[in-house]
């Protein structure tokens, strides 16, 4: 949705309620290389960062024993996707494979 960037930056608002993934043109101290998952049939890319997850959970007062779904909106022209943590919801066991 943000034009398959080679590098992205993660941005968090001052209040911690908004998170964004922004395409960036090259590697920098704040960027992460996007490695495509060749096994993915949908073309989705996933990033794993325990430290980032813990920071976001602490800021949003999430329970460590739960998983959360956060919806976002992509803005392809600006090459950014924005996620609103105030609309996060706990994922129940029946929703985990969705």
PDB file of N, CA and C in Angstrom:
ATOM      1  N   UNK A   1       0.807  -1.202   0.000  1.00  0.00           N
ATOM      2  CA  UNK A   1       0.000   0.000   0.000  1.00  0.00           C
ATOM      3  C   UNK A   1       0.853   1.271   0.000  1.00  0.00           C
ATOM      4  N   UNK A   2       2.128   1.157   0.420  1.00  0.00           N
ATOM      5  CA  UNK A   2       2.991   2.350   0.398  1.00  0.00           C
ATOM      6  C   UNK A   2       4.122   2.180  -0.622  1.00  0.00           C
ATOM      7  N   UNK A   3       3.811   1.466  -1.682  1.00  0.00           N
ATOM      8  CA  UNK A   3       4.675   1.369  -2.863  1.00  0.00           C
ATOM      9  C   UNK A   3       5.948   0.552  -2.679  1.00  0.00           C
ATOM     10  N   UNK A   4       5.894  -0.498  -1.891  1.00  0.00           N
ATOM     11  CA  UNK A   4       7.019  -1.435  -1.734  1.00  0.00           C
ATOM     12  C   UNK A   4       8.370  -0.764  -1.534  1.00  0.00           C
ATOM     13  N   UNK A   5       8.532  -0.026  -0.455  1.00  0.00           N
ATOM     14  CA  UNK A   5       9.804   0.666  -0.229  1.00  0.00           C
ATOM     15  C   UNK A   5      10.929  -0.297   0.123  1.00  0.00           C
ATOM     16  N   UNK A   6      12.155   0.121  -0.146  1.00  0.00           N
ATOM     17  CA  UNK A   6      13.317  -0.658   0.284  1.00  0.00           C
ATOM     18  C   UNK A   6      13.627  -0.401   1.751  1.00  0.00           C
ATOM     19  N   UNK A   7      13.295   0.810   2.227  1.00  0.00           N
ATOM     20  CA  UNK A   7      13.539   1.184   3.617  1.00  0.00           C
ATOM     21  C   UNK A   7      12.309   1.894   4.169  1.00  0.00           C
ATOM     22  N   UNK A   8      12.060   1.718   5.482  1.00  0.00           N
ATOM     23  CA  UNK A   8      10.974   2.417   6.150  1.00  0.00           C
ATOM     24  C   UNK A   8      11.473   3.003   7.466  1.00  0.00           C
ATOM     25  N   UNK A   9      10.730   3.974   7.950  1.00  0.00           N
ATOM     26  CA  UNK A   9      10.956   4.540   9.281  1.00  0.00           C
ATOM     27  C   UNK A   9       9.695   4.311  10.094  1.00  0.00           C
ATOM     28  N   UNK A  10       9.854   4.059  11.386  1.00  0.00           N
ATOM     29  CA  UNK A  10       8.725   3.942  12.311  1.00  0.00           C
ATOM     30  C   UNK A  10       8.654   5.243  13.095  1.00  0.00           C
ATOM     31  N   UNK A  11       7.472   5.818  13.162  1.00  0.00           N
ATOM     32  CA  UNK A  11       7.271   7.094  13.843  1.00  0.00           C
ATOM     33  C   UNK A  11       6.174   6.932  14.897  1.00  0.00           C
ATOM     34  N   UNK A  12       6.379   7.508  16.062  1.00  0.00           N
ATOM     35  CA  UNK A  12       5.395   7.466  17.143  1.00  0.00           C
ATOM     36  C   UNK A  12       5.085   8.896  17.552  1.00  0.00           C
ATOM     37  N   UNK A  13       3.797   9.216  17.687  1.00  0.00           N
ATOM     38  CA  UNK A  13       3.410  10.557  18.106  1.00  0.00           C
ATOM     39  C   UNK A  13       3.853  10.812  19.542  1.00  0.00           C
ATOM     40  N   UNK A  14       3.904  12.066  19.934  1.00  0.00           N
ATOM     41  CA  UNK A  14       4.338  12.434  21.283  1.00  0.00           C
ATOM     42  C   UNK A  14       3.471  11.797  22.365  1.00  0.00           C
ATOM     43  N   UNK A  15       2.172  11.673  22.105  1.00  0.00           N
ATOM     44  CA  UNK A  15       1.281  11.083  23.106  1.00  0.00           C
ATOM     45  C   UNK A  15       1.235   9.556  23.025  1.00  0.00           C
ATOM     46  N   UNK A  16       1.904   8.970  22.018  1.00  0.00           N
ATOM     47  CA  UNK A  16       1.974   7.520  21.889  1.00  0.00           C
ATOM     48  C   UNK A  16       0.723   6.872  21.340  1.00  0.00           C
ATOM     49  N   UNK A  17      -0.235   7.642  20.894  1.00  0.00           N
ATOM     50  CA  UNK A  17      -1.502   7.085  20.412  1.00  0.00           C
ATOM     51  C   UNK A  17      -1.536   6.870  18.904  1.00  0.00           C
ATOM     52  N   UNK A  18      -0.527   7.357  18.205  1.00  0.00           N
ATOM     53  CA  UNK A  18      -0.473   7.191  16.754  1.00  0.00           C
ATOM     54  C   UNK A  18       0.896   6.671  16.357  1.00  0.00           C
ATOM     55  N   UNK A  19       0.893   5.698  15.476  1.00  0.00           N
ATOM     56  CA  UNK A  19       2.114   5.056  14.990  1.00  0.00           C
ATOM     57  C   UNK A  19       2.079   5.114  13.472  1.00  0.00           C
ATOM     58  N   UNK A  20       3.201   5.390  12.852  1.00  0.00           N
ATOM     59  CA  UNK A  20       3.237   5.458  11.390  1.00  0.00           C
ATOM     60  C   UNK A  20       4.438   4.692  10.860  1.00  0.00           C
ATOM     61  N   UNK A  21       4.259   4.159   9.663  1.00  0.00           N
ATOM     62  CA  UNK A  21       5.338   3.517   8.912  1.00  0.00           C
ATOM     63  C   UNK A  21       5.478   4.338   7.638  1.00  0.00           C
ATOM     64  N   UNK A  22       6.653   4.931   7.465  1.00  0.00           N
ATOM     65  CA  UNK A  22       6.881   5.819   6.331  1.00  0.00           C
ATOM     66  C   UNK A  22       7.998   5.282   5.454  1.00  0.00           C
ATOM     67  N   UNK A  23       7.759   5.287   4.166  1.00  0.00           N
ATOM     68  CA  UNK A  23       8.783   4.919   3.195  1.00  0.00           C
ATOM     69  C   UNK A  23       9.882   5.959   3.217  1.00  0.00           C
ATOM     70  N   UNK A  24      11.119   5.510   3.136  1.00  0.00           N
ATOM     71  CA  UNK A  24      12.228   6.463   3.029  1.00  0.00           C
ATOM     72  C   UNK A  24      13.178   5.980   1.929  1.00  0.00           C
ATOM     73  N   UNK A  25      13.863   6.901   1.280  1.00  0.00           N
ATOM     74  CA  UNK A  25      14.615   6.551   0.081  1.00  0.00           C
ATOM     75  C   UNK A  25      15.893   5.752   0.305  1.00  0.00           C
ATOM     76  N   UNK A  26      16.485   5.849   1.486  1.00  0.00           N
ATOM     77  CA  UNK A  26      17.753   5.144   1.677  1.00  0.00           C
ATOM     78  C   UNK A  26      17.960   4.788   3.135  1.00  0.00           C
ATOM     79  N   UNK A  27      18.965   4.002   3.361  1.00  0.00           N
ATOM     80  CA  UNK A  27      19.319   3.578   4.700  1.00  0.00           C
ATOM     81  C   UNK A  27      19.822   4.769   5.511  1.00  0.00           C
ATOM     82  N   UNK A  28      19.306   4.900   6.729  1.00  0.00           N
ATOM     83  CA  UNK A  28      19.774   5.938   7.643  1.00  0.00           C
ATOM     84  C   UNK A  28      19.785   5.347   9.046  1.00  0.00           C
ATOM     85  N   UNK A  29      20.158   6.135  10.018  1.00  0.00           N
ATOM     86  CA  UNK A  29      20.191   5.640  11.396  1.00  0.00           C
ATOM     87  C   UNK A  29      18.802   5.274  11.905  1.00  0.00           C
ATOM     88  N   UNK A  30      17.755   5.859  11.323  1.00  0.00           N
ATOM     89  CA  UNK A  30      16.392   5.612  11.793  1.00  0.00           C
ATOM     90  C   UNK A  30      15.597   4.689  10.879  1.00  0.00           C
ATOM     91  N   UNK A  31      16.206   4.141   9.860  1.00  0.00           N
ATOM     92  CA  UNK A  31      15.454   3.330   8.900  1.00  0.00           C
ATOM     93  C   UNK A  31      15.700   1.838   9.089  1.00  0.00           C
ATOM     94  N   UNK A  32      14.770   1.074   8.553  1.00  0.00           N
ATOM     95  CA  UNK A  32      14.856  -0.378   8.572  1.00  0.00           C
ATOM     96  C   UNK A  32      14.709  -0.879   7.141  1.00  0.00           C
ATOM     97  N   UNK A  33      15.545  -1.832   6.774  1.00  0.00           N
ATOM     98  CA  UNK A  33      15.456  -2.422   5.437  1.00  0.00           C
ATOM     99  C   UNK A  33      14.239  -3.338   5.382  1.00  0.00           C
ATOM    100  N   UNK A  34      13.494  -3.244   4.296  1.00  0.00           N
ATOM    101  CA  UNK A  34      12.331  -4.103   4.086  1.00  0.00           C
ATOM    102  C   UNK A  34      12.794  -5.329   3.326  1.00  0.00           C
ATOM    103  N   UNK A  35      12.625  -6.468   3.931  1.00  0.00           N
ATOM    104  CA  UNK A  35      12.983  -7.728   3.287  1.00  0.00           C
ATOM    105  C   UNK A  35      11.679  -8.433   2.938  1.00  0.00           C
ATOM    106  N   UNK A  36      11.442  -8.606   1.657  1.00  0.00           N
ATOM    107  CA  UNK A  36      10.210  -9.232   1.211  1.00  0.00           C
ATOM    108  C   UNK A  36      10.173 -10.695   1.615  1.00  0.00           C
ATOM    109  N   UNK A  37       9.006 -11.133   2.047  1.00  0.00           N
ATOM    110  CA  UNK A  37       8.797 -12.526   2.402  1.00  0.00           C
ATOM    111  C   UNK A  37       8.396 -13.266   1.137  1.00  0.00           C
ATOM    112  N   UNK A  38       9.337 -13.992   0.561  1.00  0.00           N
ATOM    113  CA  UNK A  38       9.064 -14.687  -0.701  1.00  0.00           C
ATOM    114  C   UNK A  38       8.056 -15.823  -0.526  1.00  0.00           C
ATOM    115  N   UNK A  39       7.803 -16.242   0.714  1.00  0.00           N
ATOM    116  CA  UNK A  39       6.826 -17.297   0.980  1.00  0.00           C
ATOM    117  C   UNK A  39       5.407 -16.749   1.132  1.00  0.00           C
ATOM    118  N   UNK A  40       5.276 -15.427   1.202  1.00  0.00           N
ATOM    119  CA  UNK A  40       3.968 -14.821   1.399  1.00  0.00           C
ATOM    120  C   UNK A  40       3.183 -14.799   0.091  1.00  0.00           C
ATOM    121  N   UNK A  41       1.977 -15.326   0.125  1.00  0.00           N
ATOM    122  CA  UNK A  41       1.114 -15.312  -1.057  1.00  0.00           C
ATOM    123  C   UNK A  41       0.428 -13.964  -1.234  1.00  0.00           C
ATOM    124  N   UNK A  42       0.382 -13.166  -0.166  1.00  0.00           N
ATOM    125  CA  UNK A  42      -0.314 -11.880  -0.217  1.00  0.00           C
ATOM    126  C   UNK A  42       0.638 -10.708  -0.408  1.00  0.00           C
ATOM    127  N   UNK A  43       1.951 -10.955  -0.309  1.00  0.00           N
ATOM    128  CA  UNK A  43       2.913  -9.868  -0.439  1.00  0.00           C
ATOM    129  C   UNK A  43       3.086  -9.059   0.831  1.00  0.00           C
ATOM    130  N   UNK A  44       2.524  -9.535   1.941  1.00  0.00           N
ATOM    131  CA  UNK A  44       2.631  -8.808   3.199  1.00  0.00           C
ATOM    132  C   UNK A  44       4.056  -8.889   3.743  1.00  0.00           C
ATOM    133  N   UNK A  45       4.433  -7.843   4.445  1.00  0.00           N
ATOM    134  CA  UNK A  45       5.732  -7.783   5.101  1.00  0.00           C
ATOM    135  C   UNK A  45       5.484  -7.628   6.595  1.00  0.00           C
ATOM    136  N   UNK A  46       6.242  -8.335   7.403  1.00  0.00           N
ATOM    137  CA  UNK A  46       6.108  -8.238   8.849  1.00  0.00           C
ATOM    138  C   UNK A  46       7.443  -7.853   9.451  1.00  0.00           C
ATOM    139  N   UNK A  47       7.383  -7.028  10.499  1.00  0.00           N
ATOM    140  CA  UNK A  47       8.569  -6.637  11.244  1.00  0.00           C
ATOM    141  C   UNK A  47       8.417  -7.154  12.656  1.00  0.00           C
ATOM    142  N   UNK A  48       9.503  -7.631  13.207  1.00  0.00           N
ATOM    143  CA  UNK A  48       9.483  -8.150  14.563  1.00  0.00           C
ATOM    144  C   UNK A  48      10.495  -7.383  15.397  1.00  0.00           C
ATOM    145  N   UNK A  49      10.001  -6.743  16.449  1.00  0.00           N
ATOM    146  CA  UNK A  49      10.874  -6.039  17.371  1.00  0.00           C
ATOM    147  C   UNK A  49      10.257  -6.123  18.760  1.00  0.00           C
ATOM    148  N   UNK A  50      10.844  -6.949  19.590  1.00  0.00           N
ATOM    149  CA  UNK A  50      10.338  -7.113  20.945  1.00  0.00           C
ATOM    150  C   UNK A  50      10.436  -5.801  21.715  1.00  0.00           C
ATOM    151  N   UNK A  51      11.535  -5.084  21.560  1.00  0.00           N
ATOM    152  CA  UNK A  51      11.684  -3.825  22.301  1.00  0.00           C
ATOM    153  C   UNK A  51      10.647  -2.793  21.856  1.00  0.00           C
ATOM    154  N   UNK A  52      10.392  -2.672  20.549  1.00  0.00           N
ATOM    155  CA  UNK A  52       9.365  -1.751  20.067  1.00  0.00           C
ATOM    156  C   UNK A  52       7.991  -2.178  20.568  1.00  0.00           C
ATOM    157  N   UNK A  53       7.701  -3.463  20.515  1.00  0.00           N
ATOM    158  CA  UNK A  53       6.412  -3.964  21.003  1.00  0.00           C
ATOM    159  C   UNK A  53       6.217  -3.646  22.480  1.00  0.00           C
ATOM    160  N   UNK A  54       7.256  -3.814  23.262  1.00  0.00           N
ATOM    161  CA  UNK A  54       7.160  -3.522  24.698  1.00  0.00           C
ATOM    162  C   UNK A  54       6.947  -2.035  24.963  1.00  0.00           C
ATOM    163  N   UNK A  55       7.619  -1.190  24.208  1.00  0.00           N
ATOM    164  CA  UNK A  55       7.430   0.261  24.356  1.00  0.00           C
ATOM    165  C   UNK A  55       5.994   0.640  24.026  1.00  0.00           C
ATOM    166  N   UNK A  56       5.484   0.149  22.908  1.00  0.00           N
ATOM    167  CA  UNK A  56       4.118   0.473  22.502  1.00  0.00           C
ATOM    168  C   UNK A  56       3.100  -0.067  23.505  1.00  0.00           C
ATOM    169  N   UNK A  57       3.336  -1.262  24.022  1.00  0.00           N
ATOM    170  CA  UNK A  57       2.432  -1.844  25.021  1.00  0.00           C
ATOM    171  C   UNK A  57       2.425  -1.010  26.297  1.00  0.00           C
ATOM    172  N   UNK A  58       3.586  -0.582  26.740  1.00  0.00           N
ATOM    173  CA  UNK A  58       3.679   0.226  27.964  1.00  0.00           C
ATOM    174  C   UNK A  58       2.969   1.566  27.782  1.00  0.00           C
ATOM    175  N   UNK A  59       3.223   2.234  26.664  1.00  0.00           N
ATOM    176  CA  UNK A  59       2.611   3.535  26.397  1.00  0.00           C
ATOM    177  C   UNK A  59       1.085   3.429  26.370  1.00  0.00           C
ATOM    178  N   UNK A  60       0.573   2.337  25.804  1.00  0.00           N
ATOM    179  CA  UNK A  60      -0.868   2.184  25.621  1.00  0.00           C
ATOM    180  C   UNK A  60      -1.541   1.364  26.718  1.00  0.00           C
ATOM    181  N   UNK A  61      -0.777   1.011  27.752  1.00  0.00           N
ATOM    182  CA  UNK A  61      -1.305   0.276  28.907  1.00  0.00           C
ATOM    183  C   UNK A  61      -1.956  -1.042  28.492  1.00  0.00           C
ATOM    184  N   UNK A  62      -1.287  -1.753  27.576  1.00  0.00           N
ATOM    185  CA  UNK A  62      -1.800  -3.036  27.124  1.00  0.00           C
ATOM    186  C   UNK A  62      -1.350  -4.131  28.075  1.00  0.00           C
ATOM    187  N   UNK A  63      -2.159  -5.159  28.178  1.00  0.00           N
ATOM    188  CA  UNK A  63      -1.873  -6.317  29.005  1.00  0.00           C
ATOM    189  C   UNK A  63      -0.805  -7.169  28.315  1.00  0.00           C
ATOM    190  N   UNK A  64       0.232  -7.552  29.031  1.00  0.00           N
ATOM    191  CA  UNK A  64       1.315  -8.365  28.466  1.00  0.00           C
ATOM    192  C   UNK A  64       0.848  -9.739  27.992  1.00  0.00           C
ATOM    193  N   UNK A  65      -0.244 -10.225  28.542  1.00  0.00           N
ATOM    194  CA  UNK A  65      -0.720 -11.567  28.202  1.00  0.00           C
ATOM    195  C   UNK A  65      -1.717 -11.573  27.044  1.00  0.00           C
ATOM    196  N   UNK A  66      -1.939 -10.433  26.412  1.00  0.00           N
ATOM    197  CA  UNK A  66      -2.929 -10.342  25.329  1.00  0.00           C
ATOM    198  C   UNK A  66      -2.266  -9.905  24.036  1.00  0.00           C
ATOM    199  N   UNK A  67      -2.951 -10.180  22.939  1.00  0.00           N
ATOM    200  CA  UNK A  67      -2.535  -9.681  21.626  1.00  0.00           C
ATOM    201  C   UNK A  67      -3.563  -8.655  21.184  1.00  0.00           C
ATOM    202  N   UNK A  68      -3.093  -7.673  20.426  1.00  0.00           N
ATOM    203  CA  UNK A  68      -3.968  -6.574  20.038  1.00  0.00           C
ATOM    204  C   UNK A  68      -3.963  -6.381  18.529  1.00  0.00           C
ATOM    205  N   UNK A  69      -5.096  -5.956  18.010  1.00  0.00           N
ATOM    206  CA  UNK A  69      -5.207  -5.589  16.601  1.00  0.00           C
ATOM    207  C   UNK A  69      -5.364  -4.078  16.543  1.00  0.00           C
ATOM    208  N   UNK A  70      -4.580  -3.461  15.668  1.00  0.00           N
ATOM    209  CA  UNK A  70      -4.636  -2.019  15.475  1.00  0.00           C
ATOM    210  C   UNK A  70      -4.873  -1.770  13.991  1.00  0.00           C
ATOM    211  N   UNK A  71      -5.894  -1.007  13.705  1.00  0.00           N
ATOM    212  CA  UNK A  71      -6.220  -0.715  12.307  1.00  0.00           C
ATOM    213  C   UNK A  71      -5.497   0.543  11.861  1.00  0.00           C
ATOM    214  N   UNK A  72      -5.195   0.585  10.584  1.00  0.00           N
ATOM    215  CA  UNK A  72      -4.496   1.740  10.042  1.00  0.00           C
ATOM    216  C   UNK A  72      -5.041   2.142   8.696  1.00  0.00           C
ATOM    217  N   UNK A  73      -4.524   3.252   8.230  1.00  0.00           N
ATOM    218  CA  UNK A  73      -4.901   3.783   6.928  1.00  0.00           C
ATOM    219  C   UNK A  73      -3.635   4.065   6.144  1.00  0.00           C
ATOM    220  N   UNK A  74      -3.604   3.594   4.917  1.00  0.00           N
ATOM    221  CA  UNK A  74      -2.454   3.852   4.044  1.00  0.00           C
ATOM    222  C   UNK A  74      -2.729   5.082   3.194  1.00  0.00           C
ATOM    223  N   UNK A  75      -1.686   5.871   3.010  1.00  0.00           N
ATOM    224  CA  UNK A  75      -1.732   7.045   2.146  1.00  0.00           C
ATOM    225  C   UNK A  75      -0.638   6.873   1.096  1.00  0.00           C
ATOM    226  N   UNK A  76      -0.935   6.116   0.024  1.00  0.00           N
ATOM    227  CA  UNK A  76       0.088   5.766  -0.967  1.00  0.00           C
ATOM    228  C   UNK A  76       0.801   6.974  -1.583  1.00  0.00           C
ATOM    229  N   UNK A  77       0.086   8.066  -1.821  1.00  0.00           N
ATOM    230  CA  UNK A  77       0.727   9.239  -2.424  1.00  0.00           C
ATOM    231  C   UNK A  77       1.805   9.832  -1.523  1.00  0.00           C
ATOM    232  N   UNK A  78       1.597   9.734  -0.203  1.00  0.00           N
ATOM    233  CA  UNK A  78       2.593  10.231   0.758  1.00  0.00           C
ATOM    234  C   UNK A  78       3.542   9.127   1.222  1.00  0.00           C
ATOM    235  N   UNK A  79       3.299   7.901   0.767  1.00  0.00           N
ATOM    236  CA  UNK A  79       4.127   6.738   1.110  1.00  0.00           C
ATOM    237  C   UNK A  79       4.200   6.523   2.625  1.00  0.00           C
ATOM    238  N   UNK A  80       3.019   6.563   3.256  1.00  0.00           N
ATOM    239  CA  UNK A  80       2.951   6.387   4.702  1.00  0.00           C
ATOM    240  C   UNK A  80       1.682   5.624   5.074  1.00  0.00           C
ATOM    241  N   UNK A  81       1.763   4.843   6.132  1.00  0.00           N
ATOM    242  CA  UNK A  81       0.597   4.176   6.710  1.00  0.00           C
ATOM    243  C   UNK A  81       0.531   4.607   8.173  1.00  0.00           C
ATOM    244  N   UNK A  82      -0.663   4.991   8.618  1.00  0.00           N
ATOM    245  CA  UNK A  82      -0.844   5.530   9.963  1.00  0.00           C
ATOM    246  C   UNK A  82      -1.793   4.619  10.744  1.00  0.00           C
ATOM    247  N   UNK A  83      -1.421   4.308  11.991  1.00  0.00           N
ATOM    248  CA  UNK A  83      -2.195   3.418  12.845  1.00  0.00           C
ATOM    249  C   UNK A  83      -2.613   4.167  14.105  1.00  0.00           C
ATOM    250  N   UNK A  84      -3.899   4.047  14.451  1.00  0.00           N
ATOM    251  CA  UNK A  84      -4.467   4.752  15.608  1.00  0.00           C
ATOM    252  C   UNK A  84      -4.622   3.764  16.764  1.00  0.00           C
ATOM    253  N   UNK A  85      -3.766   3.887  17.781  1.00  0.00           N
ATOM    254  CA  UNK A  85      -3.804   2.956  18.903  1.00  0.00           C
ATOM    255  C   UNK A  85      -5.040   3.131  19.776  1.00  0.00           C
ATOM    256  N   UNK A  86      -5.700   4.278  19.702  1.00  0.00           N
ATOM    257  CA  UNK A  86      -6.899   4.463  20.522  1.00  0.00           C
ATOM    258  C   UNK A  86      -8.030   3.544  20.066  1.00  0.00           C
ATOM    259  N   UNK A  87      -7.918   2.980  18.865  1.00  0.00           N
ATOM    260  CA  UNK A  87      -8.942   2.057  18.377  1.00  0.00           C
ATOM    261  C   UNK A  87      -8.487   0.593  18.469  1.00  0.00           C
ATOM    262  N   UNK A  88      -7.431   0.332  19.225  1.00  0.00           N
ATOM    263  CA  UNK A  88      -6.926  -1.045  19.331  1.00  0.00           C
ATOM    264  C   UNK A  88      -7.947  -1.929  20.033  1.00  0.00           C
ATOM    265  N   UNK A  89      -7.915  -3.208  19.689  1.00  0.00           N
ATOM    266  CA  UNK A  89      -8.824  -4.161  20.321  1.00  0.00           C
ATOM    267  C   UNK A  89      -8.076  -5.451  20.602  1.00  0.00           C
ATOM    268  N   UNK A  90      -8.466  -6.091  21.682  1.00  0.00           N
ATOM    269  CA  UNK A  90      -7.853  -7.365  22.047  1.00  0.00           C
ATOM    270  C   UNK A  90      -8.303  -8.431  21.064  1.00  0.00           C
ATOM    271  N   UNK A  91      -7.360  -9.256  20.619  1.00  0.00           N
ATOM    272  CA  UNK A  91      -7.664 -10.362  19.718  1.00  0.00           C
ATOM    273  C   UNK A  91      -7.990 -11.575  20.580  1.00  0.00           C
ATOM    274  N   UNK A  92      -9.145 -12.131  20.352  1.00  0.00           N
ATOM    275  CA  UNK A  92      -9.532 -13.335  21.099  1.00  0.00           C
ATOM    276  C   UNK A  92      -8.943 -14.551  20.392  1.00  0.00           C
ATOM    277  N   UNK A  93      -8.972 -15.687  21.045  1.00  0.00           N
ATOM    278  CA  UNK A  93      -8.420 -16.915  20.485  1.00  0.00           C
ATOM    279  C   UNK A  93      -9.073 -17.275  19.150  1.00  0.00           C
ATOM    280  N   UNK A  94     -10.353 -16.986  18.983  1.00  0.00           N
ATOM    281  CA  UNK A  94     -11.046 -17.328  17.736  1.00  0.00           C
ATOM    282  C   UNK A  94     -10.667 -16.398  16.597  1.00  0.00           C
ATOM    283  N   UNK A  95     -10.042 -15.248  16.879  1.00  0.00           N
ATOM    284  CA  UNK A  95      -9.654 -14.282  15.852  1.00  0.00           C
ATOM    285  C   UNK A  95      -8.200 -14.394  15.421  1.00  0.00           C
ATOM    286  N   UNK A  96      -7.411 -15.190  16.086  1.00  0.00           N
ATOM    287  CA  UNK A  96      -5.963 -15.206  15.858  1.00  0.00           C
ATOM    288  C   UNK A  96      -5.557 -15.616  14.449  1.00  0.00           C
ATOM    289  N   UNK A  97      -6.325 -16.435  13.779  1.00  0.00           N
ATOM    290  CA  UNK A  97      -5.949 -16.898  12.451  1.00  0.00           C
ATOM    291  C   UNK A  97      -6.574 -16.094  11.326  1.00  0.00           C
ATOM    292  N   UNK A  98      -7.213 -15.001  11.671  1.00  0.00           N
ATOM    293  CA  UNK A  98      -7.871 -14.176  10.639  1.00  0.00           C
ATOM    294  C   UNK A  98      -6.850 -13.349   9.904  1.00  0.00           C
TER     295      UNK A  98
END
